[in-house]
């Protein structure tokens, strides 16, 4: 008989986690699993890519959809209990010195958990693909549960004691890189025995096919080197570092056009910084793109200047499309590429980014070496599905 598998995430907005989820859904063996997918919100540009023939999309549960609403919106949705829990979480967070938004979100989930409905169906296995993991931990009955880590957990400002109760509800904790797994083990040594590495699953054929969908008019061929960075406009992705590096390149007479795809809370600040540094013709913020792959295909070098990452899906996608990659030396950088083989890793400063880009632009033999090595490497990571099968087999 097939195993009954539940997978939980929030939505399918544009993002690396969401693309990784689509990769997983496309690779799981449907001869082994009947897959139910619970999205708290059935929204986002990636909904059209959902392989509905391979799974059952469960109806939304309104109580779970509230967690990306404002407190006022939660009240209007008819859930004063959850709104009160969220308000209390915000007040308690304000009283805690050094607490940030992640702490408030976590506390909001903790305080709201008693008011959340249970999933009535019993499952053989369940995957909670995106933090917070409270729903799968406390509201799902499954013989085996796996929770995913997509980021550098040491960088999150959370209540470790409160979080431990959630993690202890899972049989396995899956990190997207060995480095992230090690970091999590340092934060929670008592949970290290539960952790495994399951890297992002990407569909190389899909990425390559989508890259041929159109030619991006915003990135016309020119005598400038075309750089590209993709990610959420937030502190972790450090787009400001890219802008300052672009300024250094311009001042040194290097002809570049640096394109930035994404969305997020810092977009206006980034636009202001571009204007302040007189880079309107050199650093172009393109905003949100449902299909970023033609832009990756059009660029000459992909750059990820992040301050921290779990494992950047966009780096892997750029490599699938044969592009040399420059990343900064964040904690999990060694899991992204082999420095000098299929990309370059540089120190975490605008000056180092600019210097390394100049080296890659001017050293044609290095550029060609990276491209050739990338084209001869398989980045799809289909082995990850076998790891999941084995974990479930140990428990189910």
Protein backbone atom coordinates (compact mmCIF):
# COMPACT_ATOMS: atom_id res chain seq x y z
CA UNK A 1 0.00 0.00 0.00
CA UNK A 2 1.07 3.58 -0.61
CA UNK A 3 2.19 5.67 2.34
CA UNK A 4 0.00 8.64 3.24
CA UNK A 5 2.24 11.73 3.18
CA UNK A 6 1.36 15.27 4.26
CA UNK A 7 3.53 18.23 3.26
CA UNK A 8 2.95 21.64 4.88
CA UNK A 9 4.16 25.09 3.83
CA UNK A 10 2.79 28.62 3.86
CA UNK A 11 2.25 29.64 0.23
CA UNK A 12 3.90 29.63 -3.20
CA UNK A 13 5.16 33.19 -3.40
CA UNK A 14 8.36 33.72 -5.36
CA UNK A 15 11.32 32.46 -3.34
CA UNK A 16 14.05 29.87 -3.07
CA UNK A 17 12.23 27.79 -0.44
CA UNK A 18 9.16 27.67 -2.66
CA UNK A 19 11.18 26.61 -5.71
CA UNK A 20 12.80 23.88 -3.63
CA UNK A 21 9.35 22.71 -2.51
CA UNK A 22 8.23 22.47 -6.14
CA UNK A 23 11.35 20.43 -6.86
CA UNK A 24 10.51 18.03 -4.05
CA UNK A 25 6.89 17.67 -5.17
CA UNK A 26 8.05 16.91 -8.69
CA UNK A 27 10.52 14.22 -7.64
CA UNK A 28 8.74 12.23 -4.91
CA UNK A 29 7.73 8.77 -6.13
CA UNK A 30 3.94 8.81 -6.47
CA UNK A 31 3.94 5.02 -6.72
CA UNK A 32 5.08 5.03 -3.06
CA UNK A 33 3.16 8.03 -1.69
CA UNK A 34 -0.29 9.54 -1.77
CA UNK A 35 0.68 13.17 -1.28
CA UNK A 36 -1.52 15.73 0.46
CA UNK A 37 -0.26 19.33 0.30
CA UNK A 38 -1.46 21.86 2.87
CA UNK A 39 -0.69 25.48 1.98
CA UNK A 40 -1.83 27.91 4.63
CA UNK A 41 -2.49 30.36 1.79
CA UNK A 42 -3.13 29.15 -1.75
CA UNK A 43 -1.47 32.22 -3.22
CA UNK A 44 1.67 33.21 -5.04
CA UNK A 45 3.07 33.34 -8.53
CA UNK A 46 4.34 29.75 -8.32
CA UNK A 47 0.84 28.27 -7.88
CA UNK A 48 0.69 27.77 -11.65
CA UNK A 49 3.68 25.43 -11.47
CA UNK A 50 2.15 23.17 -8.81
CA UNK A 51 2.09 19.57 -10.18
CA UNK A 52 -1.55 19.01 -9.22
CA UNK A 53 -1.67 15.67 -11.04
CA UNK A 54 0.84 14.30 -8.52
CA UNK A 55 -0.91 15.40 -5.31
CA UNK A 56 -4.07 16.48 -3.55
CA UNK A 57 -4.18 20.16 -2.61
CA UNK A 58 -6.06 20.38 0.69
CA UNK A 59 -8.47 23.25 1.37
CA UNK A 60 -7.13 26.29 3.19
CA UNK A 61 -7.63 26.38 6.95
CA UNK A 62 -8.51 30.01 7.79
CA UNK A 63 -6.90 29.97 11.25
CA UNK A 64 -3.49 29.11 9.78
CA UNK A 65 -3.78 31.75 7.07
CA UNK A 66 -3.82 34.47 9.76
CA UNK A 67 -0.12 34.30 10.55
CA UNK A 68 0.95 36.67 7.80
CA UNK A 69 -1.93 39.02 8.47
CA UNK A 70 -1.76 42.12 10.60
CA UNK A 71 -3.48 41.91 13.98
CA UNK A 72 -6.25 44.16 12.63
CA UNK A 73 -6.77 41.80 9.68
CA UNK A 74 -6.92 38.83 12.05
CA UNK A 75 -9.65 40.58 14.02
CA UNK A 76 -11.62 41.31 10.84
CA UNK A 77 -11.29 37.65 9.82
CA UNK A 78 -13.27 36.69 12.91
CA UNK A 79 -10.49 35.31 15.11
CA UNK A 80 -10.24 37.54 18.21
CA UNK A 81 -8.55 34.70 20.11
CA UNK A 82 -5.63 34.54 17.68
CA UNK A 83 -5.51 38.35 17.48
CA UNK A 84 -5.26 38.55 21.27
CA UNK A 85 -2.45 35.97 21.29
CA UNK A 86 -0.58 37.92 18.62
CA UNK A 87 -1.03 41.19 20.51
CA UNK A 88 0.23 39.62 23.72
CA UNK A 89 3.25 38.24 21.84
CA UNK A 90 4.05 41.70 20.53
CA UNK A 91 3.76 43.24 23.98
CA UNK A 92 5.97 40.58 25.57
CA UNK A 93 8.51 40.97 22.77
CA UNK A 94 8.65 44.70 23.44
CA UNK A 95 9.50 44.00 27.06
CA UNK A 96 12.37 41.67 26.17
CA UNK A 97 15.68 43.45 25.60
CA UNK A 98 17.16 42.72 22.18
CA UNK A 99 14.15 40.76 20.89
CA UNK A 100 13.31 41.14 17.20
CA UNK A 101 10.50 40.21 14.82
CA UNK A 102 11.41 36.53 14.66
CA UNK A 103 10.91 36.30 18.41
CA UNK A 104 7.47 37.90 18.13
CA UNK A 105 6.45 35.52 15.34
CA UNK A 106 7.61 32.48 17.31
CA UNK A 107 5.86 33.65 20.48
CA UNK A 108 2.72 34.39 18.47
CA UNK A 109 2.65 30.81 17.24
CA UNK A 110 3.28 29.46 20.75
CA UNK A 111 0.46 31.48 22.27
CA UNK A 112 -1.95 30.81 19.39
CA UNK A 113 -1.36 27.05 19.22
CA UNK A 114 -4.22 26.16 21.61
CA UNK A 115 -6.68 27.91 19.29
CA UNK A 116 -5.57 26.20 16.10
CA UNK A 117 -7.54 23.26 14.67
CA UNK A 118 -6.04 19.81 14.32
CA UNK A 119 -5.63 18.00 11.02
CA UNK A 120 -8.08 15.12 11.34
CA UNK A 121 -6.58 12.65 8.86
CA UNK A 122 -3.87 10.33 10.17
CA UNK A 123 -0.69 10.07 8.09
CA UNK A 124 2.22 7.71 7.78
CA UNK A 125 4.61 10.62 7.29
CA UNK A 126 4.54 14.41 7.43
CA UNK A 127 6.94 17.12 6.27
CA UNK A 128 6.91 20.64 7.64
CA UNK A 129 8.79 22.50 4.94
CA UNK A 130 8.91 26.01 6.38
CA UNK A 131 9.45 27.43 9.88
CA UNK A 132 7.52 27.94 12.16
CA UNK A 133 6.75 24.22 12.49
CA UNK A 134 4.02 24.31 15.15
CA UNK A 135 1.22 23.02 12.92
CA UNK A 136 3.02 19.80 12.01
CA UNK A 137 4.46 19.43 15.51
CA UNK A 138 1.24 19.71 17.51
CA UNK A 139 -1.72 19.46 15.15
CA UNK A 140 -0.79 16.52 12.90
CA UNK A 141 -0.91 12.82 13.75
CA UNK A 142 1.82 11.05 11.78
CA UNK A 143 4.14 8.09 12.44
CA UNK A 144 7.17 10.03 11.18
CA UNK A 145 7.71 13.78 11.00
CA UNK A 146 10.48 15.81 9.34
CA UNK A 147 11.03 19.56 9.78
CA UNK A 148 13.22 21.62 7.44
CA UNK A 149 15.87 24.26 8.19
CA UNK A 150 16.51 26.66 5.29
CA UNK A 151 18.68 29.27 7.00
CA UNK A 152 21.59 29.86 9.36
CA UNK A 153 19.78 29.17 12.61
CA UNK A 154 22.38 30.96 14.74
CA UNK A 155 21.32 34.25 13.13
CA UNK A 156 17.71 34.04 14.29
CA UNK A 157 16.68 35.86 17.45
CA UNK A 158 14.44 33.25 19.09
CA UNK A 159 13.46 31.78 22.42
CA UNK A 160 15.58 28.61 22.41
CA UNK A 161 13.65 26.97 25.25
CA UNK A 162 10.30 27.53 23.58
CA UNK A 163 11.66 26.31 20.27
CA UNK A 164 13.04 23.07 21.72
CA UNK A 165 9.53 21.86 22.51
CA UNK A 166 8.65 22.18 18.82
CA UNK A 167 11.80 20.50 17.52
CA UNK A 168 11.40 17.61 19.95
CA UNK A 169 8.09 16.76 18.28
CA UNK A 170 9.93 15.74 15.11
CA UNK A 171 11.73 12.51 14.34
CA UNK A 172 14.20 14.22 12.00
CA UNK A 173 15.36 17.76 11.32
CA UNK A 174 16.53 18.31 7.75
CA UNK A 175 19.12 21.00 7.00
CA UNK A 176 19.77 22.11 3.43
CA UNK A 177 23.55 21.97 3.85
CA UNK A 178 26.14 20.27 6.06
CA UNK A 179 27.17 23.68 7.37
CA UNK A 180 23.62 24.53 8.40
CA UNK A 181 23.31 21.15 10.04
CA UNK A 182 26.49 21.78 12.05
CA UNK A 183 25.36 25.27 13.08
CA UNK A 184 22.00 23.94 14.24
CA UNK A 185 23.81 21.27 16.24
CA UNK A 186 25.87 23.95 17.95
CA UNK A 187 22.73 25.89 18.91
CA UNK A 188 20.88 22.74 19.97
CA UNK A 189 23.45 20.06 20.83
CA UNK A 190 20.71 17.95 22.41
CA UNK A 191 19.01 17.70 19.00
CA UNK A 192 22.10 17.02 16.89
CA UNK A 193 21.31 13.29 16.72
CA UNK A 194 18.06 14.08 14.90
CA UNK A 195 19.60 16.22 12.17
CA UNK A 196 20.28 15.12 8.62
CA UNK A 197 21.38 16.94 5.48
CA UNK A 198 18.87 16.98 2.62
CA UNK A 199 19.91 19.51 0.02
CA UNK A 200 17.47 21.43 -2.16
CA UNK A 201 15.93 19.38 -4.94
CA UNK A 202 15.84 21.21 -8.26
CA UNK A 203 14.44 20.14 -11.61
CA UNK A 204 17.23 20.96 -14.06
CA UNK A 205 15.03 20.30 -17.10
CA UNK A 206 12.40 22.73 -15.78
CA UNK A 207 15.00 25.43 -15.10
CA UNK A 208 16.50 25.09 -18.59
CA UNK A 209 13.10 25.06 -20.28
CA UNK A 210 11.94 28.16 -18.40
CA UNK A 211 15.17 29.95 -19.35
CA UNK A 212 14.08 29.74 -22.99
CA UNK A 213 10.64 31.27 -22.38
CA UNK A 214 11.64 34.77 -23.56
CA UNK A 215 14.53 37.16 -24.04
CA UNK A 216 14.45 39.83 -21.28
CA UNK A 217 14.16 43.25 -22.88
CA UNK A 218 15.52 44.86 -19.69
CA UNK A 219 18.92 43.16 -20.22
CA UNK A 220 19.92 43.94 -23.80
CA UNK A 221 23.37 42.92 -25.07
CA UNK A 222 25.94 45.67 -24.60
CA UNK A 223 29.64 46.24 -24.14
CA UNK A 224 29.05 46.16 -20.37
CA UNK A 225 29.39 43.01 -18.28
CA UNK A 226 25.93 41.98 -17.12
CA UNK A 227 25.79 41.00 -13.45
CA UNK A 228 22.71 39.59 -11.75
CA UNK A 229 21.60 39.14 -8.14
CA UNK A 230 18.29 37.57 -7.08
CA UNK A 231 16.72 37.45 -3.65
CA UNK A 232 14.47 39.07 -1.14
CA UNK A 233 15.24 42.74 -0.53
CA UNK A 234 16.13 42.18 3.11
CA UNK A 235 19.08 42.44 5.47
CA UNK A 236 20.24 38.84 4.97
CA UNK A 237 20.66 39.18 1.19
CA UNK A 238 22.80 42.35 1.50
CA UNK A 239 21.78 44.08 -1.72
CA UNK A 240 23.30 47.24 -0.25
CA UNK A 241 26.69 45.52 -0.40
CA UNK A 242 26.10 44.86 -4.09
CA UNK A 243 25.21 48.52 -4.70
CA UNK A 244 28.37 49.74 -2.97
CA UNK A 245 30.43 47.21 -4.95
CA UNK A 246 28.85 48.51 -8.15
CA UNK A 247 29.87 52.04 -7.17
CA UNK A 248 33.48 50.87 -6.73
CA UNK A 249 33.42 49.18 -10.14
CA UNK A 250 32.07 52.33 -11.76
CA UNK A 251 34.73 54.50 -10.08
CA UNK A 252 37.43 52.15 -11.36
CA UNK A 253 36.18 52.39 -14.93
CA UNK A 254 34.77 48.86 -15.15
CA UNK A 255 31.76 48.75 -17.46
CA UNK A 256 29.00 46.79 -15.75
CA UNK A 257 25.24 46.65 -15.65
CA UNK A 258 24.14 45.08 -12.37
CA UNK A 259 20.54 43.81 -12.31
CA UNK A 260 18.64 42.99 -9.10
CA UNK A 261 15.54 40.79 -9.11
CA UNK A 262 13.39 40.41 -6.01
CA UNK A 263 10.98 42.10 -3.65
CA UNK A 264 10.83 42.96 0.02
CA UNK A 265 10.74 45.53 2.76
CA UNK A 266 14.01 47.27 1.86
CA UNK A 267 13.19 48.08 -1.76
CA UNK A 268 12.66 51.79 -1.20
CA UNK A 269 15.91 52.07 0.78
CA UNK A 270 17.81 50.32 -1.99
CA UNK A 271 16.29 52.59 -4.63
CA UNK A 272 17.35 55.60 -2.55
CA UNK A 273 20.89 54.27 -2.21
CA UNK A 274 21.14 53.77 -5.98
CA UNK A 275 20.05 57.37 -6.53
CA UNK A 276 22.36 58.69 -3.82
CA UNK A 277 25.39 56.99 -5.42
CA UNK A 278 24.36 58.09 -8.94
CA UNK A 279 24.07 54.49 -10.19
CA UNK A 280 20.75 54.62 -12.02
CA UNK A 281 22.43 53.58 -15.28
CA UNK A 282 24.55 50.90 -13.63
CA UNK A 283 22.48 49.21 -10.90
CA UNK A 284 18.98 48.38 -12.13
CA UNK A 285 16.37 47.13 -9.69
CA UNK A 286 13.95 45.03 -11.72
CA UNK A 287 11.57 43.98 -8.93
CA UNK A 288 9.65 40.71 -8.73
CA UNK A 289 9.86 38.25 -11.64
CA UNK A 290 7.80 35.06 -11.77
CA UNK A 291 10.30 33.50 -14.16
CA UNK A 292 13.84 34.66 -13.35
CA UNK A 293 15.57 32.07 -15.51
CA UNK A 294 15.76 34.05 -18.79
CA UNK A 295 17.50 36.79 -16.78
CA UNK A 296 19.99 34.28 -15.41
CA UNK A 297 20.60 33.01 -18.93
CA UNK A 298 21.21 36.58 -20.13
CA UNK A 299 23.73 37.51 -17.45
CA UNK A 300 27.50 37.01 -17.63
CA UNK A 301 28.12 36.48 -13.89
CA UNK A 302 25.72 35.66 -11.07
CA UNK A 303 26.52 37.34 -7.73
CA UNK A 304 25.17 36.41 -4.27
CA UNK A 305 26.49 38.99 -1.76
CA UNK A 306 24.53 37.65 1.23
CA UNK A 307 25.38 38.06 4.90
CA UNK A 308 23.97 34.62 5.63
CA UNK A 309 22.21 31.81 3.78
CA UNK A 310 20.96 28.30 4.35
CA UNK A 311 21.69 27.29 0.81
CA UNK A 312 20.79 29.80 -1.88
CA UNK A 313 18.64 28.11 -4.53
CA UNK A 314 19.45 30.87 -7.02
CA UNK A 315 23.16 30.00 -6.89
CA UNK A 316 22.39 26.43 -7.86
CA UNK A 317 20.00 27.57 -10.60
CA UNK A 318 22.67 29.86 -12.06
CA UNK A 319 25.06 26.91 -12.17
CA UNK A 320 22.42 24.74 -13.85
CA UNK A 321 22.31 27.44 -16.55
CA UNK A 322 26.10 27.43 -16.90
CA UNK A 323 26.87 30.75 -15.24
CA UNK A 324 29.99 31.43 -13.13
CA UNK A 325 29.03 32.49 -9.62
CA UNK A 326 30.56 34.84 -7.08
CA UNK A 327 29.38 34.51 -3.48
CA UNK A 328 30.49 36.07 -0.21
CA UNK A 329 32.01 33.98 2.55
CA UNK A 330 28.86 33.39 4.62
CA UNK A 331 28.82 30.43 7.01
CA UNK A 332 27.45 27.91 4.49
CA UNK A 333 29.33 29.21 1.44
CA UNK A 334 31.49 26.10 1.09
CA UNK A 335 28.34 24.03 0.52
CA UNK A 336 27.33 26.24 -2.42
CA UNK A 337 30.35 25.78 -4.65
CA UNK A 338 33.99 24.75 -4.82
CA UNK A 339 36.04 27.91 -4.71
CA UNK A 340 38.05 28.21 -7.92
CA UNK A 341 36.33 25.22 -9.53
CA UNK A 342 32.74 26.25 -10.26
CA UNK A 343 32.66 29.69 -8.67
CA UNK A 344 34.50 32.11 -6.43
CA UNK A 345 34.10 32.92 -2.74
CA UNK A 346 35.23 36.32 -1.50
CA UNK A 347 35.31 38.15 1.85
CA UNK A 348 32.12 39.82 3.01
CA UNK A 349 32.73 43.43 1.96
CA UNK A 350 31.87 45.62 -1.00
CA UNK A 351 35.57 46.10 -1.75
CA UNK A 352 36.22 42.35 -1.86
CA UNK A 353 33.19 41.78 -4.09
CA UNK A 354 34.41 44.47 -6.51
CA UNK A 355 38.02 43.17 -6.51
CA UNK A 356 36.93 39.59 -7.16
CA UNK A 357 34.58 40.62 -9.94
CA UNK A 358 37.39 42.55 -11.65
CA UNK A 359 39.58 39.47 -11.39
CA UNK A 360 36.90 37.28 -12.96
CA UNK A 361 36.10 39.81 -15.69
CA UNK A 362 39.74 40.37 -16.67
CA UNK A 363 40.99 36.77 -16.36
CA UNK A 364 39.37 35.13 -19.39
CA UNK A 365 41.00 31.75 -18.77
CA UNK A 366 39.59 31.66 -15.22
CA UNK A 367 36.15 32.58 -16.52
CA UNK A 368 36.23 29.83 -19.15
CA UNK A 369 37.53 27.29 -16.62
CA UNK A 370 34.61 27.97 -14.28
CA UNK A 371 32.08 27.76 -17.12
CA UNK A 372 33.50 24.46 -18.40
CA UNK A 373 33.50 22.90 -14.93
CA UNK A 374 29.94 24.05 -14.30
CA UNK A 375 28.69 22.57 -17.57
CA UNK A 376 30.21 19.21 -16.66
CA UNK A 377 28.64 19.04 -13.18
CA UNK A 378 25.18 17.69 -12.28
CA UNK A 379 23.44 20.05 -9.84
CA UNK A 380 19.97 18.46 -9.71
CA UNK A 381 20.50 16.53 -6.41
CA UNK A 382 17.99 13.77 -7.09
CA UNK A 383 19.64 11.66 -4.36
CA UNK A 384 17.78 13.73 -1.77
CA UNK A 385 14.55 11.82 -2.49
CA UNK A 386 16.30 8.56 -1.64
CA UNK A 387 17.33 10.01 1.73
CA UNK A 388 13.72 10.96 2.47
CA UNK A 389 12.53 7.48 1.49
CA UNK A 390 15.08 5.93 3.84
CA UNK A 391 14.09 8.17 6.77
CA UNK A 392 10.44 7.32 6.36
CA UNK A 393 11.31 3.65 5.97
CA UNK A 394 13.03 3.69 9.36
CA UNK A 395 9.84 4.81 11.10
CA UNK A 396 6.84 3.80 8.99
